[in-house]
Amino acid sequence: MDSLIAQHRSIDVAESEFRKYLLDDDVLRHDYKEWCRREGYTERRGFIEYCNAYIDREQDLWDVLDDPDMR
C-alpha cells in the first residue's frame, strides 16, 4: 500500500489501483480482509484510512524537520 501511495500521491488514484489489484489477486484480497479485521477497518474504507494515517506520519516527519526547537 505504501508504494501505491508514494507512486501516485493521490488517495483516489492509489485506491483505484489497489482495487484493481484486489480484483486480480485472491491472496491479496484475503490478506487485505484479514488486515482490515485486525486493524478494525471496514474493507470499504480500510485503504483510505491507511492512506490518511500514512499521510499523517509523513507530515509528522516534515513537522519535526521544520520545528525550530529541534535545530
Protein backbone atom coordinates (compact mmCIF):
# COMPACT_ATOMS: atom_id res chain seq x y z
CA MET A 1 0.00 0.00 0.00
CA ASP A 2 2.86 2.35 0.81
CA SER A 3 4.30 2.05 -2.68
CA LEU A 4 0.96 2.86 -4.31
CA ILE A 5 0.54 5.95 -2.16
CA ALA A 6 4.09 7.12 -2.80
CA GLN A 7 3.85 6.41 -6.52
CA HIS A 8 0.53 8.12 -7.17
CA ARG A 9 0.47 10.81 -4.46
CA SER A 10 -3.31 10.82 -4.77
CA ILE A 11 -5.54 8.80 -2.49
CA ASP A 12 -8.19 8.42 -5.20
CA VAL A 13 -5.76 7.13 -7.81
CA ALA A 14 -3.91 4.89 -5.36
CA GLU A 15 -7.19 3.43 -4.12
CA SER A 16 -8.35 2.78 -7.67
CA GLU A 17 -5.12 0.93 -8.45
CA PHE A 18 -5.37 -1.03 -5.20
CA ARG A 19 -8.96 -2.07 -6.02
CA LYS A 20 -7.75 -3.37 -9.40
CA TYR A 21 -5.10 -5.45 -7.65
CA LEU A 22 -7.71 -6.84 -5.27
CA LEU A 23 -9.87 -7.96 -8.18
CA ASP A 24 -6.96 -9.78 -9.80
CA ASP A 25 -5.36 -11.40 -6.76
CA ASP A 26 -7.27 -13.75 -4.46
CA VAL A 27 -4.40 -13.97 -1.98
CA LEU A 28 -4.11 -10.18 -1.72
CA ARG A 29 -7.89 -9.92 -1.27
CA HIS A 30 -7.80 -12.49 1.54
CA ASP A 31 -4.80 -10.79 3.21
CA TYR A 32 -6.50 -7.39 2.93
CA LYS A 33 -9.69 -8.73 4.53
CA GLU A 34 -7.66 -10.16 7.40
CA TRP A 35 -5.67 -6.93 7.78
CA CYS A 36 -8.88 -4.87 7.89
CA ARG A 37 -10.32 -7.17 10.53
CA ARG A 38 -7.17 -6.96 12.68
CA GLU A 39 -6.91 -3.18 12.35
CA GLY A 40 -10.61 -2.56 12.92
CA TYR A 41 -11.30 -1.13 9.46
CA THR A 42 -14.08 -1.98 7.06
CA GLU A 43 -12.95 -3.35 3.73
CA ARG A 44 -14.59 -0.43 2.01
CA ARG A 45 -12.70 2.24 3.99
CA GLY A 46 -9.57 0.37 5.07
CA PHE A 47 -7.32 1.59 2.28
CA ILE A 48 -8.44 5.20 2.66
CA GLU A 49 -7.97 5.08 6.43
CA TYR A 50 -4.50 3.64 5.91
CA CYS A 51 -3.72 6.41 3.40
CA ASN A 52 -4.78 9.06 5.88
CA ALA A 53 -2.56 7.56 8.58
CA TYR A 54 0.32 7.31 6.10
CA ILE A 55 -0.04 10.97 5.13
CA ASP A 56 -0.19 11.98 8.81
CA ARG A 57 3.04 10.07 9.51
CA GLU A 58 4.74 11.72 6.54
CA GLN A 59 3.57 15.15 7.70
CA ASP A 60 4.85 14.48 11.21
CA LEU A 61 8.31 13.80 9.76
CA TRP A 62 8.29 17.15 7.97
CA ASP A 63 6.94 18.92 11.04
CA VAL A 64 9.92 17.68 13.07
CA LEU A 65 12.29 18.99 10.42
CA ASP A 66 10.53 22.36 10.38
CA ASP A 67 10.45 22.69 14.18
CA PRO A 68 12.94 25.44 15.16
CA ASP A 69 13.33 23.89 18.63
CA MET A 70 14.76 20.74 17.03
CA ARG A 71 17.63 22.63 15.37
